[in-house]
Amino acid sequence: MYASKNNLKFEYLYRDAGNYKQFGELVFSNPNNLSAEEADLKLRAKLIDKEYFYPSQVGVPKFDQSDFEFDSEWYEFSRFSLTNQNLTESISIETFISNF
């Protein structure tokens, strides 16, 4: 996959019941030149309480998690940022957001 100065990085995290955090990021192509702010607004409108999502429902890889019955399966959206990192995903940012 290629690098472009206009790729968008999706940053997210999982917080367990003990408040331990695991962080992840995915890099998407951005063919329509969305700003990080535009992508943020579009995604937050689709999230639970404008912050949470179920990773398995939207194609986000799950972290290894503990088996505590009181841990949540929700992940938290952190932010989007423009990046020149190589793509990690084969779909565009618009397609990704539409999955929510």
PDB file of N, CA and C in Angstrom:
ATOM      1  N   MET A   1       0.846  -1.169   0.000  1.00  0.00           N
ATOM      2  CA  MET A   1       0.000   0.000   0.000  1.00  0.00           C
ATOM      3  C   MET A   1       0.894   1.234   0.000  1.00  0.00           C
ATOM      4  N   TYR A   2       0.356   2.336  -0.425  1.00  0.00           N
ATOM      5  CA  TYR A   2       1.206   3.486  -0.659  1.00  0.00           C
ATOM      6  C   TYR A   2       1.041   4.571   0.406  1.00  0.00           C
ATOM      7  N   ALA A   3       2.027   5.458   0.410  1.00  0.00           N
ATOM      8  CA  ALA A   3       1.991   6.597   1.323  1.00  0.00           C
ATOM      9  C   ALA A   3       1.574   7.832   0.548  1.00  0.00           C
ATOM     10  N   SER A   4       0.814   8.683   1.180  1.00  0.00           N
ATOM     11  CA  SER A   4       0.390   9.956   0.621  1.00  0.00           C
ATOM     12  C   SER A   4       0.320  10.937   1.775  1.00  0.00           C
ATOM     13  N   LYS A   5       0.580  12.185   1.502  1.00  0.00           N
ATOM     14  CA  LYS A   5       0.505  13.182   2.575  1.00  0.00           C
ATOM     15  C   LYS A   5      -0.933  13.445   2.994  1.00  0.00           C
ATOM     16  N   ASN A   6      -1.868  12.845   2.283  1.00  0.00           N
ATOM     17  CA  ASN A   6      -3.276  13.099   2.537  1.00  0.00           C
ATOM     18  C   ASN A   6      -4.007  11.900   3.137  1.00  0.00           C
ATOM     19  N   ASN A   7      -3.307  10.859   3.531  1.00  0.00           N
ATOM     20  CA  ASN A   7      -3.963   9.717   4.163  1.00  0.00           C
ATOM     21  C   ASN A   7      -4.512  10.141   5.517  1.00  0.00           C
ATOM     22  N   LEU A   8      -5.548   9.447   5.967  1.00  0.00           N
ATOM     23  CA  LEU A   8      -6.109   9.736   7.287  1.00  0.00           C
ATOM     24  C   LEU A   8      -5.854   8.564   8.221  1.00  0.00           C
ATOM     25  N   LYS A   9      -5.359   8.898   9.394  1.00  0.00           N
ATOM     26  CA  LYS A   9      -5.118   7.887  10.431  1.00  0.00           C
ATOM     27  C   LYS A   9      -6.271   7.927  11.430  1.00  0.00           C
ATOM     28  N   PHE A  10      -6.865   6.761  11.657  1.00  0.00           N
ATOM     29  CA  PHE A  10      -7.937   6.568  12.628  1.00  0.00           C
ATOM     30  C   PHE A  10      -7.290   6.010  13.891  1.00  0.00           C
ATOM     31  N   GLU A  11      -7.394   6.741  14.985  1.00  0.00           N
ATOM     32  CA  GLU A  11      -6.798   6.305  16.248  1.00  0.00           C
ATOM     33  C   GLU A  11      -7.906   5.933  17.228  1.00  0.00           C
ATOM     34  N   TYR A  12      -7.723   4.807  17.897  1.00  0.00           N
ATOM     35  CA  TYR A  12      -8.746   4.286  18.789  1.00  0.00           C
ATOM     36  C   TYR A  12      -8.085   3.576  19.957  1.00  0.00           C
ATOM     37  N   LEU A  13      -8.902   3.220  20.943  1.00  0.00           N
ATOM     38  CA  LEU A  13      -8.367   2.513  22.097  1.00  0.00           C
ATOM     39  C   LEU A  13      -9.419   1.625  22.731  1.00  0.00           C
ATOM     40  N   TYR A  14      -8.920   0.672  23.486  1.00  0.00           N
ATOM     41  CA  TYR A  14      -9.761  -0.179  24.320  1.00  0.00           C
ATOM     42  C   TYR A  14      -9.344   0.076  25.761  1.00  0.00           C
ATOM     43  N   ARG A  15     -10.334   0.303  26.617  1.00  0.00           N
ATOM     44  CA  ARG A  15     -10.084   0.549  28.043  1.00  0.00           C
ATOM     45  C   ARG A  15     -10.807  -0.536  28.828  1.00  0.00           C
ATOM     46  N   ASP A  16     -10.043  -1.343  29.586  1.00  0.00           N
ATOM     47  CA  ASP A  16     -10.707  -2.410  30.338  1.00  0.00           C
ATOM     48  C   ASP A  16     -11.241  -1.877  31.664  1.00  0.00           C
ATOM     49  N   ALA A  17     -11.876  -2.748  32.431  1.00  0.00           N
ATOM     50  CA  ALA A  17     -12.510  -2.334  33.684  1.00  0.00           C
ATOM     51  C   ALA A  17     -11.504  -1.797  34.698  1.00  0.00           C
ATOM     52  N   GLY A  18     -10.247  -2.178  34.579  1.00  0.00           N
ATOM     53  CA  GLY A  18      -9.204  -1.663  35.462  1.00  0.00           C
ATOM     54  C   GLY A  18      -8.560  -0.389  34.930  1.00  0.00           C
ATOM     55  N   ASN A  19      -9.108   0.166  33.856  1.00  0.00           N
ATOM     56  CA  ASN A  19      -8.643   1.379  33.190  1.00  0.00           C
ATOM     57  C   ASN A  19      -7.293   1.201  32.483  1.00  0.00           C
ATOM     58  N   TYR A  20      -6.916  -0.049  32.215  1.00  0.00           N
ATOM     59  CA  TYR A  20      -5.732  -0.288  31.396  1.00  0.00           C
ATOM     60  C   TYR A  20      -6.127  -0.083  29.946  1.00  0.00           C
ATOM     61  N   LYS A  21      -5.251   0.540  29.183  1.00  0.00           N
ATOM     62  CA  LYS A  21      -5.582   0.912  27.817  1.00  0.00           C
ATOM     63  C   LYS A  21      -4.683   0.219  26.802  1.00  0.00           C
ATOM     64  N   GLN A  22      -5.274  -0.102  25.664  1.00  0.00           N
ATOM     65  CA  GLN A  22      -4.536  -0.589  24.503  1.00  0.00           C
ATOM     66  C   GLN A  22      -4.903   0.339  23.353  1.00  0.00           C
ATOM     67  N   PHE A  23      -3.907   0.781  22.602  1.00  0.00           N
ATOM     68  CA  PHE A  23      -4.115   1.750  21.541  1.00  0.00           C
ATOM     69  C   PHE A  23      -3.901   1.114  20.176  1.00  0.00           C
ATOM     70  N   GLY A  24      -4.668   1.574  19.202  1.00  0.00           N
ATOM     71  CA  GLY A  24      -4.525   1.094  17.839  1.00  0.00           C
ATOM     72  C   GLY A  24      -4.707   2.214  16.849  1.00  0.00           C
ATOM     73  N   GLU A  25      -4.278   1.957  15.631  1.00  0.00           N
ATOM     74  CA  GLU A  25      -4.468   2.927  14.561  1.00  0.00           C
ATOM     75  C   GLU A  25      -4.573   2.201  13.229  1.00  0.00           C
ATOM     76  N   LEU A  26      -5.361   2.786  12.341  1.00  0.00           N
ATOM     77  CA  LEU A  26      -5.535   2.285  10.984  1.00  0.00           C
ATOM     78  C   LEU A  26      -5.332   3.476  10.052  1.00  0.00           C
ATOM     79  N   VAL A  27      -4.710   3.245   8.907  1.00  0.00           N
ATOM     80  CA  VAL A  27      -4.464   4.333   7.953  1.00  0.00           C
ATOM     81  C   VAL A  27      -5.235   4.051   6.676  1.00  0.00           C
ATOM     82  N   PHE A  28      -6.034   5.038   6.257  1.00  0.00           N
ATOM     83  CA  PHE A  28      -6.918   4.924   5.106  1.00  0.00           C
ATOM     84  C   PHE A  28      -6.548   5.921   4.025  1.00  0.00           C
ATOM     85  N   SER A  29      -6.851   5.556   2.785  1.00  0.00           N
ATOM     86  CA  SER A  29      -6.720   6.516   1.693  1.00  0.00           C
ATOM     87  C   SER A  29      -7.804   7.571   1.870  1.00  0.00           C
ATOM     88  N   ASN A  30      -7.568   8.728   1.286  1.00  0.00           N
ATOM     89  CA  ASN A  30      -8.468   9.863   1.455  1.00  0.00           C
ATOM     90  C   ASN A  30      -8.669  10.536   0.094  1.00  0.00           C
ATOM     91  N   PRO A  31      -9.311   9.831  -0.852  1.00  0.00           N
ATOM     92  CA  PRO A  31      -9.402  10.344  -2.215  1.00  0.00           C
ATOM     93  C   PRO A  31     -10.187  11.648  -2.357  1.00  0.00           C
ATOM     94  N   ASN A  32     -11.081  11.933  -1.439  1.00  0.00           N
ATOM     95  CA  ASN A  32     -11.873  13.169  -1.524  1.00  0.00           C
ATOM     96  C   ASN A  32     -11.329  14.279  -0.640  1.00  0.00           C
ATOM     97  N   ASN A  33     -10.125  14.082  -0.132  1.00  0.00           N
ATOM     98  CA  ASN A  33      -9.424  15.118   0.645  1.00  0.00           C
ATOM     99  C   ASN A  33     -10.216  15.643   1.840  1.00  0.00           C
ATOM    100  N   LEU A  34     -10.838  14.726   2.583  1.00  0.00           N
ATOM    101  CA  LEU A  34     -11.509  15.140   3.820  1.00  0.00           C
ATOM    102  C   LEU A  34     -10.460  15.652   4.793  1.00  0.00           C
ATOM    103  N   SER A  35     -10.787  16.674   5.532  1.00  0.00           N
ATOM    104  CA  SER A  35      -9.903  17.100   6.615  1.00  0.00           C
ATOM    105  C   SER A  35     -10.129  16.163   7.796  1.00  0.00           C
ATOM    106  N   ALA A  36      -9.206  16.159   8.727  1.00  0.00           N
ATOM    107  CA  ALA A  36      -9.371  15.343   9.932  1.00  0.00           C
ATOM    108  C   ALA A  36     -10.627  15.768  10.687  1.00  0.00           C
ATOM    109  N   GLU A  37     -10.901  17.066  10.690  1.00  0.00           N
ATOM    110  CA  GLU A  37     -12.077  17.589  11.390  1.00  0.00           C
ATOM    111  C   GLU A  37     -13.373  17.121  10.733  1.00  0.00           C
ATOM    112  N   GLU A  38     -13.423  17.125   9.389  1.00  0.00           N
ATOM    113  CA  GLU A  38     -14.618  16.660   8.681  1.00  0.00           C
ATOM    114  C   GLU A  38     -14.860  15.177   8.951  1.00  0.00           C
ATOM    115  N   ALA A  39     -13.805  14.384   8.879  1.00  0.00           N
ATOM    116  CA  ALA A  39     -13.934  12.953   9.144  1.00  0.00           C
ATOM    117  C   ALA A  39     -14.408  12.723  10.574  1.00  0.00           C
ATOM    118  N   ASP A  40     -13.869  13.486  11.509  1.00  0.00           N
ATOM    119  CA  ASP A  40     -14.254  13.374  12.919  1.00  0.00           C
ATOM    120  C   ASP A  40     -15.750  13.625  13.084  1.00  0.00           C
ATOM    121  N   LEU A  41     -16.258  14.698  12.496  1.00  0.00           N
ATOM    122  CA  LEU A  41     -17.680  15.028  12.618  1.00  0.00           C
ATOM    123  C   LEU A  41     -18.565  13.951  12.005  1.00  0.00           C
ATOM    124  N   LYS A  42     -18.176  13.449  10.836  1.00  0.00           N
ATOM    125  CA  LYS A  42     -18.964  12.410  10.176  1.00  0.00           C
ATOM    126  C   LYS A  42     -19.005  11.134  11.004  1.00  0.00           C
ATOM    127  N   LEU A  43     -17.865  10.754  11.577  1.00  0.00           N
ATOM    128  CA  LEU A  43     -17.824   9.523  12.353  1.00  0.00           C
ATOM    129  C   LEU A  43     -18.543   9.669  13.687  1.00  0.00           C
ATOM    130  N   ARG A  44     -18.285  10.748  14.405  1.00  0.00           N
ATOM    131  CA  ARG A  44     -18.909  10.912  15.734  1.00  0.00           C
ATOM    132  C   ARG A  44     -20.434  10.896  15.654  1.00  0.00           C
ATOM    133  N   ALA A  45     -20.993  11.342  14.543  1.00  0.00           N
ATOM    134  CA  ALA A  45     -22.447  11.316  14.372  1.00  0.00           C
ATOM    135  C   ALA A  45     -22.987   9.888  14.361  1.00  0.00           C
ATOM    136  N   LYS A  46     -22.132   8.902  14.105  1.00  0.00           N
ATOM    137  CA  LYS A  46     -22.556   7.505  14.012  1.00  0.00           C
ATOM    138  C   LYS A  46     -22.168   6.669  15.227  1.00  0.00           C
ATOM    139  N   LEU A  47     -21.398   7.220  16.150  1.00  0.00           N
ATOM    140  CA  LEU A  47     -20.909   6.461  17.299  1.00  0.00           C
ATOM    141  C   LEU A  47     -21.895   6.465  18.458  1.00  0.00           C
ATOM    142  N   ILE A  48     -21.753   5.516  19.342  1.00  0.00           N
ATOM    143  CA  ILE A  48     -22.535   5.472  20.570  1.00  0.00           C
ATOM    144  C   ILE A  48     -22.018   6.596  21.460  1.00  0.00           C
ATOM    145  N   ASP A  49     -22.895   7.483  21.853  1.00  0.00           N
ATOM    146  CA  ASP A  49     -22.521   8.656  22.658  1.00  0.00           C
ATOM    147  C   ASP A  49     -21.373   9.444  22.023  1.00  0.00           C
ATOM    148  N   LYS A  50     -21.306   9.428  20.689  1.00  0.00           N
ATOM    149  CA  LYS A  50     -20.301  10.163  19.917  1.00  0.00           C
ATOM    150  C   LYS A  50     -18.865   9.744  20.229  1.00  0.00           C
ATOM    151  N   GLU A  51     -18.704   8.551  20.813  1.00  0.00           N
ATOM    152  CA  GLU A  51     -17.373   8.137  21.236  1.00  0.00           C
ATOM    153  C   GLU A  51     -17.100   6.645  21.086  1.00  0.00           C
ATOM    154  N   TYR A  52     -18.096   5.777  21.254  1.00  0.00           N
ATOM    155  CA  TYR A  52     -17.867   4.341  21.368  1.00  0.00           C
ATOM    156  C   TYR A  52     -18.380   3.570  20.157  1.00  0.00           C
ATOM    157  N   PHE A  53     -17.782   2.399  19.944  1.00  0.00           N
ATOM    158  CA  PHE A  53     -18.211   1.523  18.864  1.00  0.00           C
ATOM    159  C   PHE A  53     -17.835   0.083  19.192  1.00  0.00           C
ATOM    160  N   TYR A  54     -18.507  -0.847  18.517  1.00  0.00           N
ATOM    161  CA  TYR A  54     -18.185  -2.265  18.620  1.00  0.00           C
ATOM    162  C   TYR A  54     -17.244  -2.606  17.469  1.00  0.00           C
ATOM    163  N   PRO A  55     -16.007  -2.985  17.742  1.00  0.00           N
ATOM    164  CA  PRO A  55     -15.032  -3.189  16.666  1.00  0.00           C
ATOM    165  C   PRO A  55     -15.433  -4.267  15.668  1.00  0.00           C
ATOM    166  N   SER A  56     -16.022  -5.353  16.138  1.00  0.00           N
ATOM    167  CA  SER A  56     -16.369  -6.450  15.231  1.00  0.00           C
ATOM    168  C   SER A  56     -17.464  -6.062  14.242  1.00  0.00           C
ATOM    169  N   GLN A  57     -18.256  -5.055  14.557  1.00  0.00           N
ATOM    170  CA  GLN A  57     -19.336  -4.634  13.669  1.00  0.00           C
ATOM    171  C   GLN A  57     -18.864  -3.715  12.552  1.00  0.00           C
ATOM    172  N   VAL A  58     -17.659  -3.146  12.694  1.00  0.00           N
ATOM    173  CA  VAL A  58     -17.196  -2.162  11.707  1.00  0.00           C
ATOM    174  C   VAL A  58     -15.855  -2.522  11.075  1.00  0.00           C
ATOM    175  N   GLY A  59     -15.345  -3.708  11.370  1.00  0.00           N
ATOM    176  CA  GLY A  59     -14.110  -4.154  10.738  1.00  0.00           C
ATOM    177  C   GLY A  59     -12.829  -3.675  11.379  1.00  0.00           C
ATOM    178  N   VAL A  60     -12.889  -3.265  12.627  1.00  0.00           N
ATOM    179  CA  VAL A  60     -11.685  -2.853  13.362  1.00  0.00           C
ATOM    180  C   VAL A  60     -11.139  -4.080  14.094  1.00  0.00           C
ATOM    181  N   PRO A  61      -9.849  -4.392  13.920  1.00  0.00           N
ATOM    182  CA  PRO A  61      -9.280  -5.560  14.600  1.00  0.00           C
ATOM    183  C   PRO A  61      -9.403  -5.440  16.118  1.00  0.00           C
ATOM    184  N   LYS A  62      -9.766  -6.550  16.749  1.00  0.00           N
ATOM    185  CA  LYS A  62      -9.886  -6.558  18.204  1.00  0.00           C
ATOM    186  C   LYS A  62      -8.527  -6.840  18.844  1.00  0.00           C
ATOM    187  N   PHE A  63      -8.314  -6.246  19.997  1.00  0.00           N
ATOM    188  CA  PHE A  63      -7.125  -6.523  20.801  1.00  0.00           C
ATOM    189  C   PHE A  63      -7.358  -7.795  21.594  1.00  0.00           C
ATOM    190  N   ASP A  64      -6.281  -8.417  22.059  1.00  0.00           N
ATOM    191  CA  ASP A  64      -6.422  -9.493  23.030  1.00  0.00           C
ATOM    192  C   ASP A  64      -6.909  -8.852  24.316  1.00  0.00           C
ATOM    193  N   GLN A  65      -7.979  -9.406  24.857  1.00  0.00           N
ATOM    194  CA  GLN A  65      -8.575  -8.800  26.042  1.00  0.00           C
ATOM    195  C   GLN A  65      -8.652  -9.814  27.170  1.00  0.00           C
ATOM    196  N   SER A  66      -8.783  -9.303  28.376  1.00  0.00           N
ATOM    197  CA  SER A  66      -8.969 -10.183  29.526  1.00  0.00           C
ATOM    198  C   SER A  66     -10.361 -10.797  29.461  1.00  0.00           C
ATOM    199  N   ASP A  67     -10.593 -11.775  30.280  1.00  0.00           N
ATOM    200  CA  ASP A  67     -11.882 -12.457  30.284  1.00  0.00           C
ATOM    201  C   ASP A  67     -12.769 -12.023  31.443  1.00  0.00           C
ATOM    202  N   PHE A  68     -12.491 -10.849  32.004  1.00  0.00           N
ATOM    203  CA  PHE A  68     -13.333 -10.385  33.096  1.00  0.00           C
ATOM    204  C   PHE A  68     -14.739 -10.128  32.572  1.00  0.00           C
ATOM    205  N   GLU A  69     -15.723 -10.647  33.273  1.00  0.00           N
ATOM    206  CA  GLU A  69     -17.092 -10.520  32.794  1.00  0.00           C
ATOM    207  C   GLU A  69     -17.595  -9.079  32.829  1.00  0.00           C
ATOM    208  N   PHE A  70     -16.945  -8.196  33.576  1.00  0.00           N
ATOM    209  CA  PHE A  70     -17.410  -6.816  33.653  1.00  0.00           C
ATOM    210  C   PHE A  70     -16.695  -5.902  32.668  1.00  0.00           C
ATOM    211  N   ASP A  71     -15.785  -6.425  31.849  1.00  0.00           N
ATOM    212  CA  ASP A  71     -15.150  -5.605  30.826  1.00  0.00           C
ATOM    213  C   ASP A  71     -16.122  -5.355  29.685  1.00  0.00           C
ATOM    214  N   SER A  72     -16.040  -4.195  29.115  1.00  0.00           N
ATOM    215  CA  SER A  72     -16.900  -3.807  28.004  1.00  0.00           C
ATOM    216  C   SER A  72     -16.308  -4.288  26.685  1.00  0.00           C
ATOM    217  N   GLU A  73     -17.152  -4.468  25.702  1.00  0.00           N
ATOM    218  CA  GLU A  73     -16.668  -4.779  24.361  1.00  0.00           C
ATOM    219  C   GLU A  73     -16.579  -3.513  23.517  1.00  0.00           C
ATOM    220  N   TRP A  74     -16.925  -2.385  24.092  1.00  0.00           N
ATOM    221  CA  TRP A  74     -16.847  -1.126  23.370  1.00  0.00           C
ATOM    222  C   TRP A  74     -15.404  -0.676  23.237  1.00  0.00           C
ATOM    223  N   TYR A  75     -15.108  -0.089  22.100  1.00  0.00           N
ATOM    224  CA  TYR A  75     -13.835   0.598  21.895  1.00  0.00           C
ATOM    225  C   TYR A  75     -14.138   2.085  21.821  1.00  0.00           C
ATOM    226  N   GLU A  76     -13.114   2.893  22.040  1.00  0.00           N
ATOM    227  CA  GLU A  76     -13.292   4.341  22.006  1.00  0.00           C
ATOM    228  C   GLU A  76     -12.575   4.929  20.803  1.00  0.00           C
ATOM    229  N   PHE A  77     -13.263   5.808  20.112  1.00  0.00           N
ATOM    230  CA  PHE A  77     -12.634   6.570  19.051  1.00  0.00           C
ATOM    231  C   PHE A  77     -11.826   7.679  19.703  1.00  0.00           C
ATOM    232  N   SER A  78     -10.599   7.863  19.247  1.00  0.00           N
ATOM    233  CA  SER A  78      -9.755   8.922  19.787  1.00  0.00           C
ATOM    234  C   SER A  78      -9.728  10.126  18.864  1.00  0.00           C
ATOM    235  N   ARG A  79      -9.215   9.920  17.618  1.00  0.00           N
ATOM    236  CA  ARG A  79      -9.145  11.048  16.696  1.00  0.00           C
ATOM    237  C   ARG A  79      -8.714  10.591  15.310  1.00  0.00           C
ATOM    238  N   PHE A  80      -8.877  11.484  14.362  1.00  0.00           N
ATOM    239  CA  PHE A  80      -8.312  11.342  13.025  1.00  0.00           C
ATOM    240  C   PHE A  80      -7.176  12.336  12.902  1.00  0.00           C
ATOM    241  N   SER A  81      -6.179  11.982  12.110  1.00  0.00           N
ATOM    242  CA  SER A  81      -5.123  12.933  11.780  1.00  0.00           C
ATOM    243  C   SER A  81      -4.617  12.644  10.383  1.00  0.00           C
ATOM    244  N   LEU A  82      -4.193  13.702   9.691  1.00  0.00           N
ATOM    245  CA  LEU A  82      -3.568  13.533   8.383  1.00  0.00           C
ATOM    246  C   LEU A  82      -2.195  12.922   8.595  1.00  0.00           C
ATOM    247  N   THR A  83      -1.795  12.051   7.692  1.00  0.00           N
ATOM    248  CA  THR A  83      -0.516  11.370   7.849  1.00  0.00           C
ATOM    249  C   THR A  83       0.067  11.034   6.484  1.00  0.00           C
ATOM    250  N   ASN A  84       1.361  10.851   6.458  1.00  0.00           N
ATOM    251  CA  ASN A  84       2.016  10.345   5.244  1.00  0.00           C
ATOM    252  C   ASN A  84       2.447   8.888   5.447  1.00  0.00           C
ATOM    253  N   GLN A  85       1.929   8.249   6.486  1.00  0.00           N
ATOM    254  CA  GLN A  85       2.221   6.839   6.724  1.00  0.00           C
ATOM    255  C   GLN A  85       1.604   5.998   5.616  1.00  0.00           C
ATOM    256  N   ASN A  86       2.179   4.822   5.384  1.00  0.00           N
ATOM    257  CA  ASN A  86       1.626   3.889   4.408  1.00  0.00           C
ATOM    258  C   ASN A  86       0.241   3.430   4.840  1.00  0.00           C
ATOM    259  N   LEU A  87      -0.600   3.146   3.858  1.00  0.00           N
ATOM    260  CA  LEU A  87      -1.935   2.634   4.130  1.00  0.00           C
ATOM    261  C   LEU A  87      -1.842   1.290   4.838  1.00  0.00           C
ATOM    262  N   THR A  88      -2.743   1.075   5.781  1.00  0.00           N
ATOM    263  CA  THR A  88      -2.872  -0.238   6.410  1.00  0.00           C
ATOM    264  C   THR A  88      -4.153  -0.916   5.951  1.00  0.00           C
ATOM    265  N   GLU A  89      -5.060  -0.148   5.337  1.00  0.00           N
ATOM    266  CA  GLU A  89      -6.363  -0.659   4.932  1.00  0.00           C
ATOM    267  C   GLU A  89      -6.562  -0.437   3.435  1.00  0.00           C
ATOM    268  N   SER A  90      -7.341  -1.314   2.823  1.00  0.00           N
ATOM    269  CA  SER A  90      -7.550  -1.227   1.378  1.00  0.00           C
ATOM    270  C   SER A  90      -8.776  -0.412   0.993  1.00  0.00           C
ATOM    271  N   ILE A  91      -9.548   0.033   1.976  1.00  0.00           N
ATOM    272  CA  ILE A  91     -10.739   0.835   1.677  1.00  0.00           C
ATOM    273  C   ILE A  91     -10.457   2.305   1.978  1.00  0.00           C
ATOM    274  N   SER A  92     -11.275   3.181   1.427  1.00  0.00           N
ATOM    275  CA  SER A  92     -11.109   4.621   1.666  1.00  0.00           C
ATOM    276  C   SER A  92     -11.716   5.001   3.013  1.00  0.00           C
ATOM    277  N   ILE A  93     -11.397   6.190   3.452  1.00  0.00           N
ATOM    278  CA  ILE A  93     -11.943   6.680   4.716  1.00  0.00           C
ATOM    279  C   ILE A  93     -13.466   6.812   4.642  1.00  0.00           C
ATOM    280  N   GLU A  94     -13.995   7.214   3.477  1.00  0.00           N
ATOM    281  CA  GLU A  94     -15.438   7.335   3.329  1.00  0.00           C
ATOM    282  C   GLU A  94     -16.140   5.983   3.475  1.00  0.00           C
ATOM    283  N   THR A  95     -15.554   4.957   2.885  1.00  0.00           N
ATOM    284  CA  THR A  95     -16.131   3.610   3.006  1.00  0.00           C
ATOM    285  C   THR A  95     -16.070   3.146   4.458  1.00  0.00           C
ATOM    286  N   PHE A  96     -14.954   3.394   5.108  1.00  0.00           N
ATOM    287  CA  PHE A  96     -14.810   3.016   6.518  1.00  0.00           C
ATOM    288  C   PHE A  96     -15.882   3.684   7.369  1.00  0.00           C
ATOM    289  N   ILE A  97     -16.054   4.978   7.214  1.00  0.00           N
ATOM    290  CA  ILE A  97     -17.064   5.709   8.009  1.00  0.00           C
ATOM    291  C   ILE A  97     -18.455   5.185   7.713  1.00  0.00           C
ATOM    292  N   SER A  98     -18.724   4.833   6.477  1.00  0.00           N
ATOM    293  CA  SER A  98     -20.057   4.328   6.127  1.00  0.00           C
ATOM    294  C   SER A  98     -20.356   2.979   6.776  1.00  0.00           C
ATOM    295  N   ASN A  99     -19.317   2.245   7.211  1.00  0.00           N
ATOM    296  CA  ASN A  99     -19.506   0.959   7.884  1.00  0.00           C
ATOM    297  C   ASN A  99     -20.088   1.094   9.282  1.00  0.00           C
ATOM    298  N   PHE A 100     -20.061   2.285   9.847  1.00  0.00           N
ATOM    299  CA  PHE A 100     -20.540   2.483  11.224  1.00  0.00           C
ATOM    300  C   PHE A 100     -22.045   2.615  11.276  1.00  0.00           C
TER     301      PHE A 100
END
